Amino acid sequence: MSAQTKTVVTTYGEKITIDPNGIGDNLGNHTATTTLNLNNNDISNVSTIFIKKEAQLFDKNTGNSNYFSLNKNNGIVGIYNSNTTGNALSINEVSSKTTFVTTQITKGTDGSLPQKDNVLISTDSNGNTAWLPLVKVKDALTFQFLNYSTGNSQYNTATFNDVPGLMVTYTAPVTGILSLQANLYTIIPDGVVTKTPTSVKTEMVLMVNGNQTIKGGASTITTATPSAFVNGGGNFPETTTILGQIPVTAGQTYTITVQARTADTTTATVGTCVGNYVHTEGVNSFSAYSTLMGTLFTD
């Protein structure tokens, strides 16, 4: 019977009109016993689909036999990658935690592309994002420099002078607050100690641009003759930490120095210097260096 309306006559001479379009198969009345082949036809108007095992998605390119599948196993919903034989994404039904094997965010919502060491930040409460270097993230704390002393300041001078190696020429990458920490060794060489006791007071300062004192520190060392020590004595050291900070503006350059002087002494010929502390005692010999470190808080 062709798919069009027909009129037939019964044996009793009655005319009956038959519409073949009204004849159909109600699939809901059947249980399939083999694969249902739709011959590339679509399924439309589906209310709910129940999947007992998995739904496989094959490539439009028929030459690629790999597939992804949606499945659930032991409480884990997974998107399975047949090429890697494992889930690319998993969701735990108890904790709702989502696990990605790999992630990639190519652009922020502002169109920015990630560069090496960039971080992705939220730019507003609507979830918009942008890629930025960490130093440009507001309130970020980033390391800027660490310098070691390369020698000692002038010995036993009442005038402030530089500690070699602790001068930094710094150009601010962004506007913010530069926090400075100087860890300094003050030394009285044991070769200059001629009487006991000898006390020496040393002063140290952090300077910016050669004319502005940021912070200062001081130490007092009281010595004894080298023979008074079990192992023969050695240089007499003291440590001082100075903390300071300066506001910096993006693009501007600042010269930061550490200076020291012998402020007072009970013996005129005995003074101090600041910089490298060297201890010599056979295999136990070592050197310790004064340092200047800068850390930036971004506005």
C-alpha atoms as a PDB file:
ATOM      1  CA  MET A   1       0.000   0.000   0.000  1.00  0.00           C
ATOM      2  CA  SER A   2       1.500   3.329  -0.999  1.00  0.00           C
ATOM      3  CA  ALA A   3       1.598   6.136   1.528  1.00  0.00           C
ATOM      4  CA  GLN A   4      -1.553   7.868   0.334  1.00  0.00           C
ATOM      5  CA  THR A   5      -5.284   7.762   1.175  1.00  0.00           C
ATOM      6  CA  LYS A   6      -7.177   4.871  -0.487  1.00  0.00           C
ATOM      7  CA  THR A   7     -10.878   4.071  -0.864  1.00  0.00           C
ATOM      8  CA  VAL A   8     -11.859   0.400  -1.087  1.00  0.00           C
ATOM      9  CA  VAL A   9     -15.221  -1.386  -1.500  1.00  0.00           C
ATOM     10  CA  THR A  10     -16.190  -4.248   0.774  1.00  0.00           C
ATOM     11  CA  THR A  11     -17.991  -7.374  -0.407  1.00  0.00           C
ATOM     12  CA  TYR A  12     -21.192  -5.751   0.814  1.00  0.00           C
ATOM     13  CA  GLY A  13     -20.708  -2.760  -1.459  1.00  0.00           C
ATOM     14  CA  GLU A  14     -19.590  -0.394   1.316  1.00  0.00           C
ATOM     15  CA  LYS A  15     -16.944   2.182   0.581  1.00  0.00           C
ATOM     16  CA  ILE A  16     -14.176   2.496   3.204  1.00  0.00           C
ATOM     17  CA  THR A  17     -11.466   5.187   3.181  1.00  0.00           C
ATOM     18  CA  ILE A  18      -8.051   4.086   4.580  1.00  0.00           C
ATOM     19  CA  ASP A  19      -5.364   6.577   5.630  1.00  0.00           C
ATOM     20  CA  PRO A  20      -2.045   4.678   5.817  1.00  0.00           C
ATOM     21  CA  ASN A  21      -0.467   7.607   7.699  1.00  0.00           C
ATOM     22  CA  GLY A  22      -2.537   6.626  10.696  1.00  0.00           C
ATOM     23  CA  ILE A  23      -1.000   3.190  10.765  1.00  0.00           C
ATOM     24  CA  GLY A  24       2.150   3.140  12.930  1.00  0.00           C
ATOM     25  CA  ASP A  25       4.247   1.159  15.350  1.00  0.00           C
ATOM     26  CA  ASN A  26       4.134   2.259  19.015  1.00  0.00           C
ATOM     27  CA  LEU A  27       7.735   1.570  20.066  1.00  0.00           C
ATOM     28  CA  GLY A  28       6.748   1.912  23.688  1.00  0.00           C
ATOM     29  CA  ASN A  29       4.945  -1.412  23.488  1.00  0.00           C
ATOM     30  CA  HIS A  30       8.119  -3.279  22.536  1.00  0.00           C
ATOM     31  CA  THR A  31      11.313  -4.506  24.147  1.00  0.00           C
ATOM     32  CA  ALA A  32      14.188  -4.581  21.661  1.00  0.00           C
ATOM     33  CA  THR A  33      16.108  -7.807  21.272  1.00  0.00           C
ATOM     34  CA  THR A  34      18.834  -6.394  19.032  1.00  0.00           C
ATOM     35  CA  THR A  35      20.463  -3.091  18.123  1.00  0.00           C
ATOM     36  CA  LEU A  36      18.028  -0.449  16.955  1.00  0.00           C
ATOM     37  CA  ASN A  37      19.339   1.026  13.698  1.00  0.00           C
ATOM     38  CA  LEU A  38      17.795   4.403  12.840  1.00  0.00           C
ATOM     39  CA  ASN A  39      19.597   4.528   9.485  1.00  0.00           C
ATOM     40  CA  ASN A  40      21.039   8.008  10.202  1.00  0.00           C
ATOM     41  CA  ASN A  41      17.653   9.422  11.207  1.00  0.00           C
ATOM     42  CA  ASP A  42      17.283  11.795  14.159  1.00  0.00           C
ATOM     43  CA  ILE A  43      15.462  11.261  17.426  1.00  0.00           C
ATOM     44  CA  SER A  44      13.450  14.323  18.389  1.00  0.00           C
ATOM     45  CA  ASN A  45      11.172  15.433  21.221  1.00  0.00           C
ATOM     46  CA  VAL A  46      12.899  13.212  23.789  1.00  0.00           C
ATOM     47  CA  SER A  47      11.785  13.854  27.348  1.00  0.00           C
ATOM     48  CA  THR A  48      14.273  11.795  29.377  1.00  0.00           C
ATOM     49  CA  ILE A  49      16.991   9.376  28.297  1.00  0.00           C
ATOM     50  CA  PHE A  50      18.067   6.625  30.675  1.00  0.00           C
ATOM     51  CA  ILE A  51      21.558   5.218  30.021  1.00  0.00           C
ATOM     52  CA  LYS A  52      22.499   2.013  31.776  1.00  0.00           C
ATOM     53  CA  LYS A  53      26.107   1.798  30.607  1.00  0.00           C
ATOM     54  CA  GLU A  54      27.543   4.658  28.555  1.00  0.00           C
ATOM     55  CA  ALA A  55      26.848   7.039  25.706  1.00  0.00           C
ATOM     56  CA  GLN A  56      29.639   7.045  23.123  1.00  0.00           C
ATOM     57  CA  LEU A  57      30.442  10.044  20.916  1.00  0.00           C
ATOM     58  CA  PHE A  58      32.333   9.213  17.735  1.00  0.00           C
ATOM     59  CA  ASP A  59      34.232  11.617  15.513  1.00  0.00           C
ATOM     60  CA  LYS A  60      32.530  13.207  12.500  1.00  0.00           C
ATOM     61  CA  ASN A  61      35.693  12.216  10.676  1.00  0.00           C
ATOM     62  CA  THR A  62      35.017   8.522  10.126  1.00  0.00           C
ATOM     63  CA  GLY A  63      38.757   7.922   9.751  1.00  0.00           C
ATOM     64  CA  ASN A  64      39.194   8.630  13.464  1.00  0.00           C
ATOM     65  CA  SER A  65      37.966   5.671  15.480  1.00  0.00           C
ATOM     66  CA  ASN A  66      38.644   7.219  18.896  1.00  0.00           C
ATOM     67  CA  TYR A  67      35.661   8.335  20.934  1.00  0.00           C
ATOM     68  CA  PHE A  68      34.558  10.032  24.140  1.00  0.00           C
ATOM     69  CA  SER A  69      31.882   8.484  26.304  1.00  0.00           C
ATOM     70  CA  LEU A  70      29.698   9.623  29.181  1.00  0.00           C
ATOM     71  CA  ASN A  71      29.479   7.017  31.929  1.00  0.00           C
ATOM     72  CA  LYS A  72      28.962   6.494  35.656  1.00  0.00           C
ATOM     73  CA  ASN A  73      30.870   3.900  37.654  1.00  0.00           C
ATOM     74  CA  ASN A  74      30.948   3.417  41.456  1.00  0.00           C
ATOM     75  CA  GLY A  75      29.557   6.886  42.084  1.00  0.00           C
ATOM     76  CA  ILE A  76      31.923   8.623  39.662  1.00  0.00           C
ATOM     77  CA  VAL A  77      30.522  10.353  36.593  1.00  0.00           C
ATOM     78  CA  GLY A  78      33.206  10.359  33.942  1.00  0.00           C
ATOM     79  CA  ILE A  79      33.951  11.597  30.457  1.00  0.00           C
ATOM     80  CA  TYR A  80      36.066   8.766  29.105  1.00  0.00           C
ATOM     81  CA  ASN A  81      38.714   9.244  26.401  1.00  0.00           C
ATOM     82  CA  SER A  82      39.307   6.066  24.446  1.00  0.00           C
ATOM     83  CA  ASN A  83      42.594   7.449  23.113  1.00  0.00           C
ATOM     84  CA  THR A  84      44.093   7.691  26.616  1.00  0.00           C
ATOM     85  CA  THR A  85      41.982   4.826  28.070  1.00  0.00           C
ATOM     86  CA  GLY A  86      40.953   6.941  31.039  1.00  0.00           C
ATOM     87  CA  ASN A  87      38.566   9.624  32.208  1.00  0.00           C
ATOM     88  CA  ALA A  88      39.461  13.136  31.074  1.00  0.00           C
ATOM     89  CA  LEU A  89      36.997  14.499  33.647  1.00  0.00           C
ATOM     90  CA  SER A  90      35.471  12.895  36.750  1.00  0.00           C
ATOM     91  CA  ILE A  91      32.765  14.078  39.175  1.00  0.00           C
ATOM     92  CA  ASN A  92      32.299  12.437  42.579  1.00  0.00           C
ATOM     93  CA  GLU A  93      28.603  12.034  43.400  1.00  0.00           C
ATOM     94  CA  VAL A  94      29.226  12.342  47.166  1.00  0.00           C
ATOM     95  CA  SER A  95      31.524  15.378  47.299  1.00  0.00           C
ATOM     96  CA  SER A  96      30.648  16.897  43.898  1.00  0.00           C
ATOM     97  CA  LYS A  97      34.403  17.446  43.426  1.00  0.00           C
ATOM     98  CA  THR A  98      35.427  17.629  39.785  1.00  0.00           C
ATOM     99  CA  THR A  99      38.802  16.267  38.698  1.00  0.00           C
ATOM    100  CA  PHE A 100      40.484  17.195  35.411  1.00  0.00           C
ATOM    101  CA  VAL A 101      43.404  15.243  34.007  1.00  0.00           C
ATOM    102  CA  THR A 102      44.638  18.430  32.312  1.00  0.00           C
ATOM    103  CA  THR A 103      43.242  21.950  32.097  1.00  0.00           C
ATOM    104  CA  GLN A 104      43.817  24.778  29.675  1.00  0.00           C
ATOM    105  CA  ILE A 105      42.466  28.319  29.708  1.00  0.00           C
ATOM    106  CA  THR A 106      43.508  30.005  26.493  1.00  0.00           C
ATOM    107  CA  LYS A 107      42.247  33.532  27.166  1.00  0.00           C
ATOM    108  CA  GLY A 108      40.803  35.669  29.895  1.00  0.00           C
ATOM    109  CA  THR A 109      37.380  37.137  29.268  1.00  0.00           C
ATOM    110  CA  ASP A 110      39.166  40.388  28.401  1.00  0.00           C
ATOM    111  CA  GLY A 111      40.966  38.586  25.557  1.00  0.00           C
ATOM    112  CA  SER A 112      44.332  38.514  27.336  1.00  0.00           C
ATOM    113  CA  LEU A 113      46.672  35.638  26.500  1.00  0.00           C
ATOM    114  CA  PRO A 114      48.697  33.868  29.211  1.00  0.00           C
ATOM    115  CA  GLN A 115      52.435  34.457  29.295  1.00  0.00           C
ATOM    116  CA  LYS A 116      55.025  32.483  31.274  1.00  0.00           C
ATOM    117  CA  ASP A 117      54.446  32.826  35.049  1.00  0.00           C
ATOM    118  CA  ASN A 118      51.156  34.747  34.582  1.00  0.00           C
ATOM    119  CA  VAL A 119      48.246  34.057  36.913  1.00  0.00           C
ATOM    120  CA  LEU A 120      44.532  34.137  36.097  1.00  0.00           C
ATOM    121  CA  ILE A 121      42.641  36.563  38.318  1.00  0.00           C
ATOM    122  CA  SER A 122      39.007  37.519  38.774  1.00  0.00           C
ATOM    123  CA  THR A 123      38.447  41.114  37.660  1.00  0.00           C
ATOM    124  CA  ASP A 124      34.954  41.513  39.102  1.00  0.00           C
ATOM    125  CA  SER A 125      32.162  39.713  40.948  1.00  0.00           C
ATOM    126  CA  ASN A 126      30.660  38.486  37.660  1.00  0.00           C
ATOM    127  CA  GLY A 127      33.409  35.930  37.075  1.00  0.00           C
ATOM    128  CA  ASN A 128      35.306  37.872  34.402  1.00  0.00           C
ATOM    129  CA  THR A 129      38.999  37.020  34.289  1.00  0.00           C
ATOM    130  CA  ALA A 130      42.326  38.327  33.038  1.00  0.00           C
ATOM    131  CA  TRP A 131      45.884  36.981  32.759  1.00  0.00           C
ATOM    132  CA  LEU A 132      48.433  39.129  34.642  1.00  0.00           C
ATOM    133  CA  PRO A 133      52.005  38.795  35.913  1.00  0.00           C
ATOM    134  CA  LEU A 134      51.869  38.252  39.676  1.00  0.00           C
ATOM    135  CA  VAL A 135      53.627  41.552  40.336  1.00  0.00           C
ATOM    136  CA  LYS A 136      50.613  43.390  38.855  1.00  0.00           C
ATOM    137  CA  VAL A 137      48.033  41.649  41.030  1.00  0.00           C
ATOM    138  CA  LYS A 138      46.749  44.008  43.732  1.00  0.00           C
ATOM    139  CA  ASP A 139      48.077  43.207  47.229  1.00  0.00           C
ATOM    140  CA  ALA A 140      50.443  40.584  45.807  1.00  0.00           C
ATOM    141  CA  LEU A 141      53.763  40.109  47.619  1.00  0.00           C
ATOM    142  CA  THR A 142      56.646  39.447  45.202  1.00  0.00           C
ATOM    143  CA  PHE A 143      60.373  38.992  45.747  1.00  0.00           C
ATOM    144  CA  GLN A 144      62.461  41.669  43.981  1.00  0.00           C
ATOM    145  CA  PHE A 145      66.138  41.294  44.881  1.00  0.00           C
ATOM    146  CA  LEU A 146      68.678  39.861  47.328  1.00  0.00           C
ATOM    147  CA  ASN A 147      72.183  41.350  47.506  1.00  0.00           C
ATOM    148  CA  TYR A 148      75.192  40.029  49.440  1.00  0.00           C
ATOM    149  CA  SER A 149      78.038  42.122  50.818  1.00  0.00           C
ATOM    150  CA  THR A 150      81.235  41.889  48.763  1.00  0.00           C
ATOM    151  CA  GLY A 151      83.503  43.412  51.407  1.00  0.00           C
ATOM    152  CA  ASN A 152      83.436  45.631  54.483  1.00  0.00           C
ATOM    153  CA  SER A 153      82.652  49.268  55.146  1.00  0.00           C
ATOM    154  CA  GLN A 154      85.526  51.536  56.156  1.00  0.00           C
ATOM    155  CA  TYR A 155      87.050  50.490  59.456  1.00  0.00           C
ATOM    156  CA  ASN A 156      86.744  52.721  62.542  1.00  0.00           C
ATOM    157  CA  THR A 157      85.395  55.823  60.826  1.00  0.00           C
ATOM    158  CA  ALA A 158      82.875  58.195  62.398  1.00  0.00           C
ATOM    159  CA  THR A 159      81.434  59.057  58.967  1.00  0.00           C
ATOM    160  CA  PHE A 160      78.692  56.965  57.380  1.00  0.00           C
ATOM    161  CA  ASN A 161      79.978  55.034  54.347  1.00  0.00           C
ATOM    162  CA  ASP A 162      78.631  52.313  52.051  1.00  0.00           C
ATOM    163  CA  VAL A 163      78.752  48.594  52.767  1.00  0.00           C
ATOM    164  CA  PRO A 164      80.159  47.159  49.482  1.00  0.00           C
ATOM    165  CA  GLY A 165      77.690  45.026  47.517  1.00  0.00           C
ATOM    166  CA  LEU A 166      74.631  46.375  49.314  1.00  0.00           C
ATOM    167  CA  MET A 167      73.838  49.158  46.859  1.00  0.00           C
ATOM    168  CA  VAL A 168      70.810  48.444  44.640  1.00  0.00           C
ATOM    169  CA  THR A 169      69.576  50.428  41.646  1.00  0.00           C
ATOM    170  CA  TYR A 170      65.909  49.476  41.542  1.00  0.00           C
ATOM    171  CA  THR A 171      63.277  50.354  38.907  1.00  0.00           C
ATOM    172  CA  ALA A 172      59.764  49.717  40.172  1.00  0.00           C
ATOM    173  CA  PRO A 173      57.739  47.485  37.798  1.00  0.00           C
ATOM    174  CA  VAL A 174      54.469  48.721  39.356  1.00  0.00           C
ATOM    175  CA  THR A 175      53.317  51.202  41.973  1.00  0.00           C
ATOM    176  CA  GLY A 176      53.378  49.851  45.503  1.00  0.00           C
ATOM    177  CA  ILE A 177      55.377  49.588  48.724  1.00  0.00           C
ATOM    178  CA  LEU A 178      58.934  48.230  48.635  1.00  0.00           C
ATOM    179  CA  SER A 179      59.734  46.445  51.892  1.00  0.00           C
ATOM    180  CA  LEU A 180      63.436  46.268  52.759  1.00  0.00           C
ATOM    181  CA  GLN A 181      65.270  43.975  55.162  1.00  0.00           C
ATOM    182  CA  ALA A 182      68.988  44.335  55.906  1.00  0.00           C
ATOM    183  CA  ASN A 183      70.724  41.594  57.907  1.00  0.00           C
ATOM    184  CA  LEU A 184      74.106  42.998  58.862  1.00  0.00           C
ATOM    185  CA  TYR A 185      77.300  41.676  60.454  1.00  0.00           C
ATOM    186  CA  THR A 186      79.288  44.152  62.550  1.00  0.00           C
ATOM    187  CA  ILE A 187      82.891  43.034  63.132  1.00  0.00           C
ATOM    188  CA  ILE A 188      85.756  44.026  65.422  1.00  0.00           C
ATOM    189  CA  PRO A 189      88.924  42.329  64.105  1.00  0.00           C
ATOM    190  CA  ASP A 190      90.667  40.482  66.924  1.00  0.00           C
ATOM    191  CA  GLY A 191      94.031  41.815  65.747  1.00  0.00           C
ATOM    192  CA  VAL A 192      93.189  45.326  66.938  1.00  0.00           C
ATOM    193  CA  VAL A 193      92.125  44.432  70.463  1.00  0.00           C
ATOM    194  CA  THR A 194      94.872  45.548  72.819  1.00  0.00           C
ATOM    195  CA  LYS A 195      93.147  45.888  76.155  1.00  0.00           C
ATOM    196  CA  THR A 196      90.227  44.257  77.975  1.00  0.00           C
ATOM    197  CA  PRO A 197      87.418  45.074  77.941  1.00  0.00           C
ATOM    198  CA  THR A 198      86.848  47.134  74.819  1.00  0.00           C
ATOM    199  CA  SER A 199      83.336  48.284  73.870  1.00  0.00           C
ATOM    200  CA  VAL A 200      82.417  49.675  70.450  1.00  0.00           C
ATOM    201  CA  LYS A 201      79.067  51.085  69.332  1.00  0.00           C
ATOM    202  CA  THR A 202      78.186  50.867  65.619  1.00  0.00           C
ATOM    203  CA  GLU A 203      75.365  52.591  63.748  1.00  0.00           C
ATOM    204  CA  MET A 204      73.859  51.456  60.438  1.00  0.00           C
ATOM    205  CA  VAL A 205      71.260  53.073  58.164  1.00  0.00           C
ATOM    206  CA  LEU A 206      69.172  52.251  55.096  1.00  0.00           C
ATOM    207  CA  MET A 207      69.349  55.113  52.589  1.00  0.00           C
ATOM    208  CA  VAL A 208      67.386  55.914  49.443  1.00  0.00           C
ATOM    209  CA  ASN A 209      68.723  58.142  46.672  1.00  0.00           C
ATOM    210  CA  GLY A 210      71.698  59.073  48.860  1.00  0.00           C
ATOM    211  CA  ASN A 211      69.894  61.649  50.980  1.00  0.00           C
ATOM    212  CA  GLN A 212      66.930  60.044  52.704  1.00  0.00           C
ATOM    213  CA  THR A 213      67.340  57.791  55.704  1.00  0.00           C
ATOM    214  CA  ILE A 214      64.682  55.072  55.743  1.00  0.00           C
ATOM    215  CA  LYS A 215      65.563  53.243  58.946  1.00  0.00           C
ATOM    216  CA  GLY A 216      68.532  52.793  61.248  1.00  0.00           C
ATOM    217  CA  GLY A 217      69.995  50.254  63.629  1.00  0.00           C
ATOM    218  CA  ALA A 218      72.816  49.992  66.142  1.00  0.00           C
ATOM    219  CA  SER A 219      74.925  47.371  67.890  1.00  0.00           C
ATOM    220  CA  THR A 220      77.420  47.321  70.759  1.00  0.00           C
ATOM    221  CA  ILE A 221      80.244  44.791  70.990  1.00  0.00           C
ATOM    222  CA  THR A 222      82.347  44.224  74.097  1.00  0.00           C
ATOM    223  CA  THR A 223      85.486  42.202  73.413  1.00  0.00           C
ATOM    224  CA  ALA A 224      88.050  40.214  75.314  1.00  0.00           C
ATOM    225  CA  THR A 225      91.625  39.360  74.385  1.00  0.00           C
ATOM    226  CA  PRO A 226      91.866  36.401  71.971  1.00  0.00           C
ATOM    227  CA  SER A 227      93.787  34.411  74.616  1.00  0.00           C
ATOM    228  CA  ALA A 228      90.711  34.484  76.832  1.00  0.00           C
ATOM    229  CA  PHE A 229      88.889  32.172  74.419  1.00  0.00           C
ATOM    230  CA  VAL A 230      89.269  28.385  74.483  1.00  0.00           C
ATOM    231  CA  ASN A 231      89.849  28.206  70.724  1.00  0.00           C
ATOM    232  CA  GLY A 232      91.973  31.322  70.439  1.00  0.00           C
ATOM    233  CA  GLY A 233      89.191  33.825  69.787  1.00  0.00           C
ATOM    234  CA  GLY A 234      88.732  35.310  66.316  1.00  0.00           C
ATOM    235  CA  ASN A 235      86.864  38.280  64.968  1.00  0.00           C
ATOM    236  CA  PHE A 236      84.159  39.632  67.270  1.00  0.00           C
ATOM    237  CA  PRO A 237      80.794  39.730  65.402  1.00  0.00           C
ATOM    238  CA  GLU A 238      77.348  41.091  66.151  1.00  0.00           C
ATOM    239  CA  THR A 239      74.208  40.845  63.992  1.00  0.00           C
ATOM    240  CA  THR A 240      71.646  43.591  63.401  1.00  0.00           C
ATOM    241  CA  THR A 241      68.425  43.473  61.383  1.00  0.00           C
ATOM    242  CA  ILE A 242      66.934  46.670  59.954  1.00  0.00           C
ATOM    243  CA  LEU A 243      63.413  46.706  58.511  1.00  0.00           C
ATOM    244  CA  GLY A 244      62.114  49.581  56.403  1.00  0.00           C
ATOM    245  CA  GLN A 245      59.820  50.424  53.518  1.00  0.00           C
ATOM    246  CA  ILE A 246      59.401  53.066  50.844  1.00  0.00           C
ATOM    247  CA  PRO A 247      56.527  53.902  48.472  1.00  0.00           C
ATOM    248  CA  VAL A 248      57.531  53.340  44.843  1.00  0.00           C
ATOM    249  CA  THR A 249      55.978  54.431  41.565  1.00  0.00           C
ATOM    250  CA  ALA A 250      55.908  52.306  38.398  1.00  0.00           C
ATOM    251  CA  GLY A 251      58.814  53.141  36.082  1.00  0.00           C
ATOM    252  CA  GLN A 252      60.762  55.245  38.577  1.00  0.00           C
ATOM    253  CA  THR A 253      64.312  54.272  39.617  1.00  0.00           C
ATOM    254  CA  TYR A 254      65.582  54.308  43.211  1.00  0.00           C
ATOM    255  CA  THR A 255      69.119  53.904  44.562  1.00  0.00           C
ATOM    256  CA  ILE A 256      69.126  52.030  47.868  1.00  0.00           C
ATOM    257  CA  THR A 257      72.265  51.742  50.008  1.00  0.00           C
ATOM    258  CA  VAL A 258      73.321  50.428  53.404  1.00  0.00           C
ATOM    259  CA  GLN A 259      75.788  52.619  55.279  1.00  0.00           C
ATOM    260  CA  ALA A 260      77.661  52.171  58.556  1.00  0.00           C
ATOM    261  CA  ARG A 261      80.005  53.975  60.923  1.00  0.00           C
ATOM    262  CA  THR A 262      81.783  53.508  64.233  1.00  0.00           C
ATOM    263  CA  ALA A 263      79.708  55.745  66.485  1.00  0.00           C
ATOM    264  CA  ASP A 264      81.664  55.439  69.740  1.00  0.00           C
ATOM    265  CA  THR A 265      84.381  53.329  71.328  1.00  0.00           C
ATOM    266  CA  THR A 266      86.115  52.999  74.699  1.00  0.00           C
ATOM    267  CA  THR A 267      89.474  52.657  72.968  1.00  0.00           C
ATOM    268  CA  ALA A 268      90.333  55.118  70.226  1.00  0.00           C
ATOM    269  CA  THR A 269      92.262  52.637  68.084  1.00  0.00           C
ATOM    270  CA  VAL A 270      89.596  49.921  68.222  1.00  0.00           C
ATOM    271  CA  GLY A 271      86.642  50.276  65.872  1.00  0.00           C
ATOM    272  CA  THR A 272      84.264  48.279  63.673  1.00  0.00           C
ATOM    273  CA  CYS A 273      83.274  47.630  60.094  1.00  0.00           C
ATOM    274  CA  VAL A 274      80.123  46.097  58.588  1.00  0.00           C
ATOM    275  CA  GLY A 275      79.971  43.458  55.852  1.00  0.00           C
ATOM    276  CA  ASN A 276      81.619  40.041  55.597  1.00  0.00           C
ATOM    277  CA  TYR A 277      82.292  37.995  58.728  1.00  0.00           C
ATOM    278  CA  VAL A 278      85.074  35.454  58.174  1.00  0.00           C
ATOM    279  CA  HIS A 279      85.920  32.784  60.741  1.00  0.00           C
ATOM    280  CA  THR A 280      89.121  30.792  60.272  1.00  0.00           C
ATOM    281  CA  GLU A 281      89.532  27.582  62.228  1.00  0.00           C
ATOM    282  CA  GLY A 282      90.760  24.700  60.060  1.00  0.00           C
ATOM    283  CA  VAL A 283      87.960  22.586  58.610  1.00  0.00           C
ATOM    284  CA  ASN A 284      85.419  24.685  60.505  1.00  0.00           C
ATOM    285  CA  SER A 285      86.284  27.878  58.625  1.00  0.00           C
ATOM    286  CA  PHE A 286      83.402  29.722  56.981  1.00  0.00           C
ATOM    287  CA  SER A 287      82.277  33.101  55.655  1.00  0.00           C
ATOM    288  CA  ALA A 288      78.988  34.862  56.359  1.00  0.00           C
ATOM    289  CA  TYR A 289      77.701  37.834  54.414  1.00  0.00           C
ATOM    290  CA  SER A 290      75.515  40.791  55.190  1.00  0.00           C
ATOM    291  CA  THR A 291      72.420  40.943  52.965  1.00  0.00           C
ATOM    292  CA  LEU A 292      69.827  43.388  51.645  1.00  0.00           C
ATOM    293  CA  MET A 293      66.494  42.018  50.429  1.00  0.00           C
ATOM    294  CA  GLY A 294      63.599  43.794  48.731  1.00  0.00           C
ATOM    295  CA  THR A 295      59.977  42.617  48.568  1.00  0.00           C
ATOM    296  CA  LEU A 296      57.203  44.488  46.750  1.00  0.00           C
ATOM    297  CA  PHE A 297      53.572  44.905  47.853  1.00  0.00           C
ATOM    298  CA  THR A 298      51.501  45.896  44.803  1.00  0.00           C
ATOM    299  CA  ASP A 299      48.928  48.681  45.151  1.00  0.00           C
END
